[in-house]
């Protein structure tokens, strides 16, 4: 089986919180404002991809306590917010 390059691997996401606050954690948030028309089913996956990319740029090893929050913006367009706690482990 061929593995993806490290930079292409997805950061693990979890909806369970099992870590105490530490200096190696921080909460991150992303907002997906892309217009999907009638194709709403892609929005959660795209929003989680955005969250993983932001975590990757911070050097995170995982994101826990992930939540997706569907919203409607001031123009009446459906948007989605995702947030979670990033875990940055020291080597």
Protein backbone atom coordinates (compact mmCIF):
# COMPACT_ATOMS: atom_id res chain seq x y z
CA UNK A 1 0.00 0.00 0.00
CA UNK A 2 1.36 3.41 -0.97
CA UNK A 3 1.20 6.13 1.70
CA UNK A 4 0.61 9.81 1.04
CA UNK A 5 3.43 12.29 1.59
CA UNK A 6 3.38 13.70 5.12
CA UNK A 7 2.17 17.12 3.95
CA UNK A 8 -0.82 15.50 2.20
CA UNK A 9 -1.94 13.36 5.13
CA UNK A 10 -5.03 14.49 6.94
CA UNK A 11 -4.80 15.59 10.55
CA UNK A 12 -7.02 13.40 12.76
CA UNK A 13 -10.28 15.02 13.84
CA UNK A 14 -12.23 13.91 16.92
CA UNK A 15 -15.56 14.97 18.42
CA UNK A 16 -14.54 13.84 21.89
CA UNK A 17 -12.70 16.05 24.35
CA UNK A 18 -10.17 14.07 26.39
CA UNK A 19 -7.37 16.48 27.15
CA UNK A 20 -6.76 19.00 29.89
CA UNK A 21 -5.76 22.52 28.97
CA UNK A 22 -2.06 22.86 28.31
CA UNK A 23 0.27 25.28 26.53
CA UNK A 24 0.29 22.89 23.55
CA UNK A 25 -3.42 23.39 22.79
CA UNK A 26 -5.48 26.20 21.31
CA UNK A 27 -8.95 26.61 19.84
CA UNK A 28 -9.17 27.35 16.12
CA UNK A 29 -12.16 28.37 14.00
CA UNK A 30 -12.85 28.50 10.27
CA UNK A 31 -15.84 29.87 8.37
CA UNK A 32 -16.82 28.37 5.02
CA UNK A 33 -18.62 31.12 3.08
CA UNK A 34 -18.49 29.34 -0.29
CA UNK A 35 -21.80 29.29 -2.15
CA UNK A 36 -22.97 25.72 -2.78
CA UNK A 37 -26.37 26.35 -4.35
CA UNK A 38 -28.40 23.18 -3.93
CA UNK A 39 -25.30 21.03 -3.26
CA UNK A 40 -25.18 21.46 0.54
CA UNK A 41 -23.91 17.92 1.09
CA UNK A 42 -20.32 18.94 0.22
CA UNK A 43 -20.22 21.86 2.66
CA UNK A 44 -19.42 19.90 5.87
CA UNK A 45 -16.54 17.98 4.25
CA UNK A 46 -15.10 21.14 2.68
CA UNK A 47 -15.38 22.97 6.01
CA UNK A 48 -13.56 20.16 7.83
CA UNK A 49 -10.85 20.23 5.14
CA UNK A 50 -10.43 23.96 5.83
CA UNK A 51 -10.11 23.23 9.56
CA UNK A 52 -7.47 20.55 8.93
CA UNK A 53 -5.49 22.89 6.67
CA UNK A 54 -5.50 25.64 9.29
CA UNK A 55 -4.40 23.12 11.95
CA UNK A 56 -1.63 21.88 9.67
CA UNK A 57 -0.27 25.43 9.22
CA UNK A 58 -0.09 25.71 13.02
CA UNK A 59 1.91 22.47 13.25
CA UNK A 60 -0.91 20.54 14.93
CA UNK A 61 -0.83 16.78 15.33
CA UNK A 62 -4.60 16.45 15.92
CA UNK A 63 -7.80 18.44 16.38
CA UNK A 64 -10.21 17.36 19.12
CA UNK A 65 -13.65 18.55 20.17
CA UNK A 66 -14.57 19.34 16.56
CA UNK A 67 -17.94 20.96 16.03
CA UNK A 68 -19.76 22.02 12.85
CA UNK A 69 -22.21 24.89 13.14
CA UNK A 70 -24.51 25.63 10.18
CA UNK A 71 -25.49 29.30 9.97
CA UNK A 72 -27.20 31.78 7.66
CA UNK A 73 -25.27 34.99 6.96
CA UNK A 74 -26.66 38.52 6.64
CA UNK A 75 -27.43 37.91 2.94
CA UNK A 76 -29.48 34.80 3.72
CA UNK A 77 -26.82 32.44 2.35
CA UNK A 78 -26.05 29.23 4.20
CA UNK A 79 -22.51 29.19 5.65
CA UNK A 80 -20.79 26.72 7.96
CA UNK A 81 -18.40 27.28 10.84
CA UNK A 82 -16.11 24.62 12.28
CA UNK A 83 -14.06 24.82 15.44
CA UNK A 84 -11.94 22.55 17.57
CA UNK A 85 -8.91 22.34 19.83
CA UNK A 86 -5.58 21.78 18.12
CA UNK A 87 -2.94 19.64 19.79
CA UNK A 88 0.67 20.61 19.08
CA UNK A 89 3.06 18.07 20.53
CA UNK A 90 6.66 18.99 21.10
CA UNK A 91 9.21 16.67 19.46
